[in-house]
Amino acid sequence: MGNNIVILIVVCVVSIAIGYFISNLMAQRKTKTEQAKLDSKVQKAQEEARTIELQAKDNALKVMQSAEAENARRRGELSREDDRLQKRRTELDHRFERLEQREQNLNKRQSALDKRTNDVEKMYTDQLAELQRIAEMTSEEARNVLLVEVEKEARSDMARIIRQIENEAREEGENRARALVADAIQRVASDQVAEVTTSVVTLPNEEMKGRIVGRNGRNIRAFEQAAGVDVIVDDTPEAVTVSCFDSVRREIARRALARLIQDGRIHPAYIEKVLADETIAAR
């Protein structure tokens, strides 16, 4: 009887120990499983975070490139507008200088005429008094003699003044002629510059203009930035204009744009590839 009790107690203790061990083992396995799930979630979250970070960097780079292209285009427009205003300001300064010079010449001529008139009047008075004193002529006789002398002097002065006026008129005519010639040269030069700095690319239809510009203008900005040219999309039917002072760069851009239109695939990545191919082919 006593042995049975001892055996029973031992069995209970062993059972409890085995149960505790099994329970502890299961708890450890459960903990490991939960830790593995947690590690997997953490790894997945880290990968998603890296993906989001890379996308954010890519988007930021695209925004910066777009902003730089827009700034370059605006700087070009401001530079062209400043050149135009500077040229206009120079023309106005030249015209103002010519008007000032003309006014000065007129003032000088008027002063000379006034002075000559005063001199003639004084001469008349002096000669009249001198003739009356020396020759003891009558006023009528002295007046006749003086009129003859004054007429001679007046004719001489008149001839000199006429020559002066003719010279001034000739100089003014030459200045006006030079101004007219300069204006004509400027108009012809503007047309010539437009001819040698632009190239026209024919389009198959008007819808192609929208594809060249792209959504929010991204295609045309990418093309202008990569090619170093200006693409003008105006009201000209079924055509766009490529503008650049560098004839080689302009021709490369024209050929690349024609190829893009022919292929029909127009997006920034393909634009860069086509421009690179045309650049290599041009060498």
C-alpha atoms as a PDB file:
ATOM      1  CA  MET A   1       0.000   0.000   0.000  1.00  0.00           C
ATOM      2  CA  GLY A   2       2.735   2.454   0.882  1.00  0.00           C
ATOM      3  CA  ASN A   3       4.676   1.556  -2.233  1.00  0.00           C
ATOM      4  CA  ASN A   4       1.666   2.207  -4.414  1.00  0.00           C
ATOM      5  CA  ILE A   5       1.296   5.654  -2.954  1.00  0.00           C
ATOM      6  CA  VAL A   6       4.940   6.441  -3.583  1.00  0.00           C
ATOM      7  CA  ILE A   7       4.664   5.170  -7.151  1.00  0.00           C
ATOM      8  CA  LEU A   8       1.558   7.251  -7.672  1.00  0.00           C
ATOM      9  CA  ILE A   9       3.288  10.332  -6.352  1.00  0.00           C
ATOM     10  CA  VAL A  10       6.283   9.703  -8.583  1.00  0.00           C
ATOM     11  CA  VAL A  11       4.033   9.250 -11.604  1.00  0.00           C
ATOM     12  CA  CYS A  12       2.239  12.510 -10.838  1.00  0.00           C
ATOM     13  CA  VAL A  13       5.493  14.368 -10.465  1.00  0.00           C
ATOM     14  CA  VAL A  14       6.839  12.933 -13.711  1.00  0.00           C
ATOM     15  CA  SER A  15       3.562  13.766 -15.489  1.00  0.00           C
ATOM     16  CA  ILE A  16       3.676  17.300 -14.232  1.00  0.00           C
ATOM     17  CA  ALA A  17       7.292  17.629 -15.306  1.00  0.00           C
ATOM     18  CA  ILE A  18       6.540  16.190 -18.770  1.00  0.00           C
ATOM     19  CA  GLY A  19       3.527  18.490 -19.126  1.00  0.00           C
ATOM     20  CA  TYR A  20       5.573  21.515 -18.119  1.00  0.00           C
ATOM     21  CA  PHE A  21       8.316  20.556 -20.574  1.00  0.00           C
ATOM     22  CA  ILE A  22       5.841  20.001 -23.402  1.00  0.00           C
ATOM     23  CA  SER A  23       4.061  23.274 -22.590  1.00  0.00           C
ATOM     24  CA  ASN A  24       7.363  25.147 -22.467  1.00  0.00           C
ATOM     25  CA  LEU A  25       8.447  23.585 -25.778  1.00  0.00           C
ATOM     26  CA  MET A  26       5.168  24.560 -27.458  1.00  0.00           C
ATOM     27  CA  ALA A  27       5.420  28.076 -26.087  1.00  0.00           C
ATOM     28  CA  GLN A  28       8.959  28.418 -27.491  1.00  0.00           C
ATOM     29  CA  ARG A  29       7.811  27.166 -30.915  1.00  0.00           C
ATOM     30  CA  LYS A  30       4.913  29.586 -30.869  1.00  0.00           C
ATOM     31  CA  THR A  31       7.265  32.419 -29.915  1.00  0.00           C
ATOM     32  CA  LYS A  32       9.659  31.512 -32.737  1.00  0.00           C
ATOM     33  CA  THR A  33       6.771  31.356 -35.228  1.00  0.00           C
ATOM     34  CA  GLU A  34       5.468  34.746 -34.130  1.00  0.00           C
ATOM     35  CA  GLN A  35       9.009  36.183 -34.243  1.00  0.00           C
ATOM     36  CA  ALA A  36       9.464  34.846 -37.791  1.00  0.00           C
ATOM     37  CA  LYS A  37       6.159  36.426 -38.854  1.00  0.00           C
ATOM     38  CA  LEU A  38       7.181  39.680 -37.204  1.00  0.00           C
ATOM     39  CA  ASP A  39      10.603  39.610 -38.926  1.00  0.00           C
ATOM     40  CA  SER A  40       8.883  38.950 -42.271  1.00  0.00           C
ATOM     41  CA  LYS A  41       6.540  41.897 -41.753  1.00  0.00           C
ATOM     42  CA  VAL A  42       9.445  44.143 -40.757  1.00  0.00           C
ATOM     43  CA  GLN A  43      11.447  43.080 -43.844  1.00  0.00           C
ATOM     44  CA  LYS A  44       8.447  43.635 -46.095  1.00  0.00           C
ATOM     45  CA  ALA A  45       7.856  47.079 -44.557  1.00  0.00           C
ATOM     46  CA  GLN A  46      11.541  47.962 -45.076  1.00  0.00           C
ATOM     47  CA  GLU A  47      11.356  46.878 -48.728  1.00  0.00           C
ATOM     48  CA  GLU A  48       8.192  48.939 -49.259  1.00  0.00           C
ATOM     49  CA  ALA A  49       9.885  51.910 -47.593  1.00  0.00           C
ATOM     50  CA  ARG A  50      12.916  51.581 -49.907  1.00  0.00           C
ATOM     51  CA  THR A  51      10.604  51.341 -52.932  1.00  0.00           C
ATOM     52  CA  ILE A  52       8.697  54.445 -51.848  1.00  0.00           C
ATOM     53  CA  GLU A  53      11.985  56.271 -51.226  1.00  0.00           C
ATOM     54  CA  LEU A  54      13.290  55.376 -54.702  1.00  0.00           C
ATOM     55  CA  GLN A  55      10.010  56.482 -56.304  1.00  0.00           C
ATOM     56  CA  ALA A  56      10.108  59.737 -54.361  1.00  0.00           C
ATOM     57  CA  LYS A  57      13.691  60.397 -55.469  1.00  0.00           C
ATOM     58  CA  ASP A  58      12.781  59.617 -59.085  1.00  0.00           C
ATOM     59  CA  ASN A  59       9.768  61.943 -58.936  1.00  0.00           C
ATOM     60  CA  ALA A  60      11.859  64.673 -57.320  1.00  0.00           C
ATOM     61  CA  LEU A  61      14.503  64.297 -60.046  1.00  0.00           C
ATOM     62  CA  LYS A  62      11.843  64.554 -62.762  1.00  0.00           C
ATOM     63  CA  VAL A  63      10.370  67.660 -61.121  1.00  0.00           C
ATOM     64  CA  MET A  64      13.842  69.246 -60.866  1.00  0.00           C
ATOM     65  CA  GLN A  65      14.607  68.460 -64.517  1.00  0.00           C
ATOM     66  CA  SER A  66      11.267  69.878 -65.604  1.00  0.00           C
ATOM     67  CA  ALA A  67      11.826  73.018 -63.518  1.00  0.00           C
ATOM     68  CA  GLU A  68      15.356  73.460 -64.905  1.00  0.00           C
ATOM     69  CA  ALA A  69      14.063  73.109 -68.472  1.00  0.00           C
ATOM     70  CA  GLU A  70      11.301  75.632 -67.817  1.00  0.00           C
ATOM     71  CA  ASN A  71      13.788  78.043 -66.224  1.00  0.00           C
ATOM     72  CA  ALA A  72      16.128  77.680 -69.205  1.00  0.00           C
ATOM     73  CA  ARG A  73      13.279  78.392 -71.611  1.00  0.00           C
ATOM     74  CA  ARG A  74      12.176  81.437 -69.632  1.00  0.00           C
ATOM     75  CA  ARG A  75      15.743  82.700 -69.380  1.00  0.00           C
ATOM     76  CA  GLY A  76      16.013  82.401 -73.173  1.00  0.00           C
ATOM     77  CA  GLU A  77      12.778  84.336 -73.658  1.00  0.00           C
ATOM     78  CA  LEU A  78      13.893  87.034 -71.215  1.00  0.00           C
ATOM     79  CA  SER A  79      17.261  87.278 -72.940  1.00  0.00           C
ATOM     80  CA  ARG A  80      15.641  87.687 -76.361  1.00  0.00           C
ATOM     81  CA  GLU A  81      13.214  90.281 -74.998  1.00  0.00           C
ATOM     82  CA  ASP A  82      16.069  92.167 -73.317  1.00  0.00           C
ATOM     83  CA  ASP A  83      18.037  92.185 -76.599  1.00  0.00           C
ATOM     84  CA  ARG A  84      15.008  93.527 -78.444  1.00  0.00           C
ATOM     85  CA  LEU A  85      14.460  96.280 -75.857  1.00  0.00           C
ATOM     86  CA  GLN A  86      18.149  97.166 -75.870  1.00  0.00           C
ATOM     87  CA  LYS A  87      18.111  97.475 -79.644  1.00  0.00           C
ATOM     88  CA  ARG A  88      15.000  99.638 -79.512  1.00  0.00           C
ATOM     89  CA  ARG A  89      16.589 101.808 -76.813  1.00  0.00           C
ATOM     90  CA  THR A  90      19.691 102.303 -78.973  1.00  0.00           C
ATOM     91  CA  GLU A  91      17.557 103.347 -81.948  1.00  0.00           C
ATOM     92  CA  LEU A  92      15.655 105.860 -79.828  1.00  0.00           C
ATOM     93  CA  ASP A  93      18.927 107.265 -78.466  1.00  0.00           C
ATOM     94  CA  HIS A  94      20.232 107.754 -82.010  1.00  0.00           C
ATOM     95  CA  ARG A  95      17.033 109.483 -83.086  1.00  0.00           C
ATOM     96  CA  PHE A  96      17.121 111.732 -80.046  1.00  0.00           C
ATOM     97  CA  GLU A  97      20.741 112.639 -80.750  1.00  0.00           C
ATOM     98  CA  ARG A  98      19.851 113.524 -84.353  1.00  0.00           C
ATOM     99  CA  LEU A  99      16.964 115.701 -83.187  1.00  0.00           C
ATOM    100  CA  GLU A 100      19.207 117.473 -80.687  1.00  0.00           C
ATOM    101  CA  GLN A 101      21.845 118.057 -83.358  1.00  0.00           C
ATOM    102  CA  ARG A 102      19.238 119.431 -85.751  1.00  0.00           C
ATOM    103  CA  GLU A 103      17.869 121.743 -83.065  1.00  0.00           C
ATOM    104  CA  GLN A 104      21.363 123.000 -82.283  1.00  0.00           C
ATOM    105  CA  ASN A 105      22.026 123.655 -85.973  1.00  0.00           C
ATOM    106  CA  LEU A 106      18.759 125.594 -86.288  1.00  0.00           C
ATOM    107  CA  ASN A 107      19.564 127.628 -83.197  1.00  0.00           C
ATOM    108  CA  LYS A 108      23.036 128.424 -84.523  1.00  0.00           C
ATOM    109  CA  ARG A 109      21.635 129.467 -87.887  1.00  0.00           C
ATOM    110  CA  GLN A 110      18.982 131.653 -86.247  1.00  0.00           C
ATOM    111  CA  SER A 111      21.638 133.278 -84.043  1.00  0.00           C
ATOM    112  CA  ALA A 112      23.819 133.912 -87.082  1.00  0.00           C
ATOM    113  CA  LEU A 113      20.905 135.488 -88.948  1.00  0.00           C
ATOM    114  CA  ASP A 114      19.985 137.684 -85.990  1.00  0.00           C
ATOM    115  CA  LYS A 115      23.580 138.783 -85.568  1.00  0.00           C
ATOM    116  CA  ARG A 116      23.903 139.519 -89.278  1.00  0.00           C
ATOM    117  CA  THR A 117      20.712 141.548 -89.231  1.00  0.00           C
ATOM    118  CA  ASN A 118      21.987 143.625 -86.331  1.00  0.00           C
ATOM    119  CA  ASP A 119      25.322 144.099 -88.087  1.00  0.00           C
ATOM    120  CA  VAL A 120      23.589 145.259 -91.279  1.00  0.00           C
ATOM    121  CA  GLU A 121      21.437 147.725 -89.389  1.00  0.00           C
ATOM    122  CA  LYS A 122      24.436 149.085 -87.518  1.00  0.00           C
ATOM    123  CA  MET A 123      26.452 149.282 -90.719  1.00  0.00           C
ATOM    124  CA  TYR A 124      23.630 151.185 -92.385  1.00  0.00           C
ATOM    125  CA  THR A 125      23.503 153.708 -89.566  1.00  0.00           C
ATOM    126  CA  ASP A 126      27.280 154.153 -89.447  1.00  0.00           C
ATOM    127  CA  GLN A 127      27.679 154.533 -93.199  1.00  0.00           C
ATOM    128  CA  LEU A 128      24.795 156.971 -93.394  1.00  0.00           C
ATOM    129  CA  ALA A 129      26.334 159.204 -90.771  1.00  0.00           C
ATOM    130  CA  GLU A 130      29.802 158.915 -92.335  1.00  0.00           C
ATOM    131  CA  LEU A 131      28.578 159.790 -95.829  1.00  0.00           C
ATOM    132  CA  GLN A 132      26.669 162.793 -94.592  1.00  0.00           C
ATOM    133  CA  ARG A 133      29.650 164.022 -92.634  1.00  0.00           C
ATOM    134  CA  ILE A 134      32.339 163.548 -95.309  1.00  0.00           C
ATOM    135  CA  ALA A 135      30.544 164.286 -98.559  1.00  0.00           C
ATOM    136  CA  GLU A 136      28.052 166.704 -97.135  1.00  0.00           C
ATOM    137  CA  MET A 137      25.425 164.907 -99.179  1.00  0.00           C
ATOM    138  CA  THR A 138      21.764 165.299 -98.699  1.00  0.00           C
ATOM    139  CA  SER A 139      19.887 162.557 -96.968  1.00  0.00           C
ATOM    140  CA  GLU A 140      18.427 161.406-100.244  1.00  0.00           C
ATOM    141  CA  GLU A 141      21.844 161.161-101.936  1.00  0.00           C
ATOM    142  CA  ALA A 142      23.419 159.449 -98.974  1.00  0.00           C
ATOM    143  CA  ARG A 143      20.533 156.990 -98.834  1.00  0.00           C
ATOM    144  CA  ASN A 144      21.004 156.026-102.488  1.00  0.00           C
ATOM    145  CA  VAL A 145      24.751 155.443-102.072  1.00  0.00           C
ATOM    146  CA  LEU A 146      24.187 153.485 -98.905  1.00  0.00           C
ATOM    147  CA  LEU A 147      21.525 151.342-100.524  1.00  0.00           C
ATOM    148  CA  VAL A 148      23.961 150.380-103.266  1.00  0.00           C
ATOM    149  CA  GLU A 149      26.597 149.357-100.713  1.00  0.00           C
ATOM    150  CA  VAL A 150      24.106 147.554 -98.550  1.00  0.00           C
ATOM    151  CA  GLU A 151      22.755 145.690-101.550  1.00  0.00           C
ATOM    152  CA  LYS A 152      26.241 144.485-102.439  1.00  0.00           C
ATOM    153  CA  GLU A 153      26.892 143.372 -98.886  1.00  0.00           C
ATOM    154  CA  ALA A 154      23.465 141.748 -98.609  1.00  0.00           C
ATOM    155  CA  ARG A 155      23.966 139.828-101.847  1.00  0.00           C
ATOM    156  CA  SER A 156      27.295 138.530-100.581  1.00  0.00           C
ATOM    157  CA  ASP A 157      25.755 137.512 -97.257  1.00  0.00           C
ATOM    158  CA  MET A 158      22.778 135.966 -99.020  1.00  0.00           C
ATOM    159  CA  ALA A 159      25.025 133.833-101.210  1.00  0.00           C
ATOM    160  CA  ARG A 160      26.968 132.664 -98.171  1.00  0.00           C
ATOM    161  CA  ILE A 161      23.784 131.849 -96.272  1.00  0.00           C
ATOM    162  CA  ILE A 162      22.375 129.984 -99.260  1.00  0.00           C
ATOM    163  CA  ARG A 163      25.532 127.899 -99.487  1.00  0.00           C
ATOM    164  CA  GLN A 164      25.306 127.174 -95.764  1.00  0.00           C
ATOM    165  CA  ILE A 165      21.655 126.140 -96.054  1.00  0.00           C
ATOM    166  CA  GLU A 166      22.460 123.943 -99.040  1.00  0.00           C
ATOM    167  CA  ASN A 167      25.253 122.220 -97.107  1.00  0.00           C
ATOM    168  CA  GLU A 168      22.975 121.650 -94.128  1.00  0.00           C
ATOM    169  CA  ALA A 169      20.206 120.340 -96.381  1.00  0.00           C
ATOM    170  CA  ARG A 170      22.677 118.031 -98.108  1.00  0.00           C
ATOM    171  CA  GLU A 171      23.956 116.744 -94.739  1.00  0.00           C
ATOM    172  CA  GLU A 172      20.408 116.192 -93.464  1.00  0.00           C
ATOM    173  CA  GLY A 173      19.520 114.380 -96.701  1.00  0.00           C
ATOM    174  CA  GLU A 174      22.531 112.098 -96.350  1.00  0.00           C
ATOM    175  CA  ASN A 175      21.614 111.336 -92.734  1.00  0.00           C
ATOM    176  CA  ARG A 176      18.057 110.485 -93.718  1.00  0.00           C
ATOM    177  CA  ALA A 177      19.285 108.350 -96.607  1.00  0.00           C
ATOM    178  CA  ARG A 178      21.623 106.450 -94.283  1.00  0.00           C
ATOM    179  CA  ALA A 179      18.754 105.922 -91.838  1.00  0.00           C
ATOM    180  CA  LEU A 180      16.520 104.576 -94.616  1.00  0.00           C
ATOM    181  CA  VAL A 181      19.268 102.268 -95.862  1.00  0.00           C
ATOM    182  CA  ALA A 182      19.923 101.071 -92.293  1.00  0.00           C
ATOM    183  CA  ASP A 183      16.220 100.330 -91.790  1.00  0.00           C
ATOM    184  CA  ALA A 184      16.101  98.414 -95.078  1.00  0.00           C
ATOM    185  CA  ILE A 185      19.220  96.426 -94.154  1.00  0.00           C
ATOM    186  CA  GLN A 186      17.752  95.671 -90.752  1.00  0.00           C
ATOM    187  CA  ARG A 187      14.529  94.313 -92.267  1.00  0.00           C
ATOM    188  CA  VAL A 188      16.419  92.185 -94.779  1.00  0.00           C
ATOM    189  CA  ALA A 189      18.842  90.995 -92.073  1.00  0.00           C
ATOM    190  CA  SER A 190      15.934  89.982 -89.820  1.00  0.00           C
ATOM    191  CA  ASP A 191      14.419  87.894 -92.620  1.00  0.00           C
ATOM    192  CA  GLN A 192      17.805  86.364 -93.415  1.00  0.00           C
ATOM    193  CA  VAL A 193      18.480  85.516 -89.760  1.00  0.00           C
ATOM    194  CA  ALA A 194      15.081  83.817 -89.540  1.00  0.00           C
ATOM    195  CA  GLU A 195      15.912  81.765 -92.640  1.00  0.00           C
ATOM    196  CA  VAL A 196      19.312  80.564 -91.437  1.00  0.00           C
ATOM    197  CA  THR A 197      18.337  79.891 -87.804  1.00  0.00           C
ATOM    198  CA  THR A 198      15.134  77.896 -88.271  1.00  0.00           C
ATOM    199  CA  SER A 199      14.105  74.618 -89.875  1.00  0.00           C
ATOM    200  CA  VAL A 200      10.541  73.518 -90.589  1.00  0.00           C
ATOM    201  CA  VAL A 201       9.429  69.943 -89.891  1.00  0.00           C
ATOM    202  CA  THR A 202       6.287  68.790 -91.707  1.00  0.00           C
ATOM    203  CA  LEU A 203       3.658  66.875 -89.708  1.00  0.00           C
ATOM    204  CA  PRO A 204       1.272  64.222 -91.043  1.00  0.00           C
ATOM    205  CA  ASN A 205      -1.647  65.841 -89.187  1.00  0.00           C
ATOM    206  CA  GLU A 206      -2.502  68.469 -86.579  1.00  0.00           C
ATOM    207  CA  GLU A 207      -2.903  65.846 -83.823  1.00  0.00           C
ATOM    208  CA  MET A 208       0.844  65.218 -83.968  1.00  0.00           C
ATOM    209  CA  LYS A 209       1.441  68.671 -82.421  1.00  0.00           C
ATOM    210  CA  GLY A 210      -0.252  67.503 -79.218  1.00  0.00           C
ATOM    211  CA  ARG A 211       1.892  64.365 -79.115  1.00  0.00           C
ATOM    212  CA  ILE A 212       5.053  66.428 -79.633  1.00  0.00           C
ATOM    213  CA  VAL A 213       4.113  68.731 -76.746  1.00  0.00           C
ATOM    214  CA  GLY A 214       3.080  65.815 -74.520  1.00  0.00           C
ATOM    215  CA  ARG A 215       1.224  65.847 -71.249  1.00  0.00           C
ATOM    216  CA  ASN A 216       1.908  69.119 -69.426  1.00  0.00           C
ATOM    217  CA  GLY A 217       4.576  69.853 -72.047  1.00  0.00           C
ATOM    218  CA  ARG A 218       6.975  67.151 -70.849  1.00  0.00           C
ATOM    219  CA  ASN A 219       7.866  65.841 -74.331  1.00  0.00           C
ATOM    220  CA  ILE A 220       8.729  69.216 -75.858  1.00  0.00           C
ATOM    221  CA  ARG A 221      10.703  70.243 -72.772  1.00  0.00           C
ATOM    222  CA  ALA A 222      12.667  66.994 -72.821  1.00  0.00           C
ATOM    223  CA  PHE A 223      13.391  67.435 -76.539  1.00  0.00           C
ATOM    224  CA  GLU A 224      14.488  71.074 -76.210  1.00  0.00           C
ATOM    225  CA  GLN A 225      16.702  70.327 -73.214  1.00  0.00           C
ATOM    226  CA  ALA A 226      18.368  67.297 -74.799  1.00  0.00           C
ATOM    227  CA  ALA A 227      18.757  68.844 -78.268  1.00  0.00           C
ATOM    228  CA  GLY A 228      19.649  72.389 -77.164  1.00  0.00           C
ATOM    229  CA  VAL A 229      17.113  73.985 -79.519  1.00  0.00           C
ATOM    230  CA  ASP A 230      13.759  75.769 -79.362  1.00  0.00           C
ATOM    231  CA  VAL A 231      10.706  74.022 -80.815  1.00  0.00           C
ATOM    232  CA  ILE A 232       8.038  76.490 -81.946  1.00  0.00           C
ATOM    233  CA  VAL A 233       4.514  75.086 -82.148  1.00  0.00           C
ATOM    234  CA  ASP A 234       2.389  77.859 -83.634  1.00  0.00           C
ATOM    235  CA  ASP A 235      -0.652  78.184 -85.901  1.00  0.00           C
ATOM    236  CA  THR A 236       1.217  76.986 -88.999  1.00  0.00           C
ATOM    237  CA  PRO A 237      -0.857  74.058 -90.290  1.00  0.00           C
ATOM    238  CA  GLU A 238       0.777  70.615 -90.099  1.00  0.00           C
ATOM    239  CA  ALA A 239       4.261  71.971 -89.321  1.00  0.00           C
ATOM    240  CA  VAL A 240       6.511  72.914 -86.395  1.00  0.00           C
ATOM    241  CA  THR A 241       9.681  75.007 -86.420  1.00  0.00           C
ATOM    242  CA  VAL A 242      13.083  74.111 -84.912  1.00  0.00           C
ATOM    243  CA  SER A 243      15.114  77.215 -84.010  1.00  0.00           C
ATOM    244  CA  CYS A 244      18.834  77.344 -83.121  1.00  0.00           C
ATOM    245  CA  PHE A 245      21.865  79.417 -84.171  1.00  0.00           C
ATOM    246  CA  ASP A 246      24.033  76.266 -84.306  1.00  0.00           C
ATOM    247  CA  SER A 247      23.271  74.782 -87.730  1.00  0.00           C
ATOM    248  CA  VAL A 248      24.648  71.324 -86.843  1.00  0.00           C
ATOM    249  CA  ARG A 249      22.612  71.077 -83.651  1.00  0.00           C
ATOM    250  CA  ARG A 250      19.532  72.372 -85.475  1.00  0.00           C
ATOM    251  CA  GLU A 251      19.901  69.755 -88.249  1.00  0.00           C
ATOM    252  CA  ILE A 252      20.365  66.940 -85.714  1.00  0.00           C
ATOM    253  CA  ALA A 253      17.222  68.099 -83.903  1.00  0.00           C
ATOM    254  CA  ARG A 254      15.278  68.294 -87.172  1.00  0.00           C
ATOM    255  CA  ARG A 255      16.246  64.784 -88.217  1.00  0.00           C
ATOM    256  CA  ALA A 256      15.533  63.388 -84.756  1.00  0.00           C
ATOM    257  CA  LEU A 257      12.104  65.038 -84.652  1.00  0.00           C
ATOM    258  CA  ALA A 258      11.276  63.723 -88.126  1.00  0.00           C
ATOM    259  CA  ARG A 259      12.268  60.227 -87.008  1.00  0.00           C
ATOM    260  CA  LEU A 260      10.147  60.484 -83.848  1.00  0.00           C
ATOM    261  CA  ILE A 261       7.153  61.582 -85.928  1.00  0.00           C
ATOM    262  CA  GLN A 262       7.679  58.693 -88.333  1.00  0.00           C
ATOM    263  CA  ASP A 263       8.034  56.109 -85.531  1.00  0.00           C
ATOM    264  CA  GLY A 264       5.094  57.524 -83.594  1.00  0.00           C
ATOM    265  CA  ARG A 265       6.754  56.815 -80.246  1.00  0.00           C
ATOM    266  CA  ILE A 266       7.296  60.137 -78.510  1.00  0.00           C
ATOM    267  CA  HIS A 267       8.294  60.115 -74.853  1.00  0.00           C
ATOM    268  CA  PRO A 268      11.337  61.499 -72.946  1.00  0.00           C
ATOM    269  CA  ALA A 269      13.335  58.246 -72.815  1.00  0.00           C
ATOM    270  CA  TYR A 270      12.933  57.515 -76.523  1.00  0.00           C
ATOM    271  CA  ILE A 271      13.607  61.165 -77.379  1.00  0.00           C
ATOM    272  CA  GLU A 272      17.019  60.974 -75.683  1.00  0.00           C
ATOM    273  CA  LYS A 273      17.835  57.710 -77.492  1.00  0.00           C
ATOM    274  CA  VAL A 274      16.915  59.070 -80.922  1.00  0.00           C
ATOM    275  CA  LEU A 275      18.895  62.291 -80.341  1.00  0.00           C
ATOM    276  CA  ALA A 276      21.922  60.255 -79.242  1.00  0.00           C
ATOM    277  CA  ASP A 277      21.694  58.098 -82.385  1.00  0.00           C
ATOM    278  CA  GLU A 278      21.407  61.130 -84.656  1.00  0.00           C
ATOM    279  CA  THR A 279      24.325  62.828 -82.897  1.00  0.00           C
ATOM    280  CA  ILE A 280      26.522  59.784 -83.458  1.00  0.00           C
ATOM    281  CA  ALA A 281      25.401  59.552 -87.086  1.00  0.00           C
ATOM    282  CA  ALA A 282      26.217  63.247 -87.650  1.00  0.00           C
ATOM    283  CA  ARG A 283      29.797  62.662 -86.580  1.00  0.00           C
END
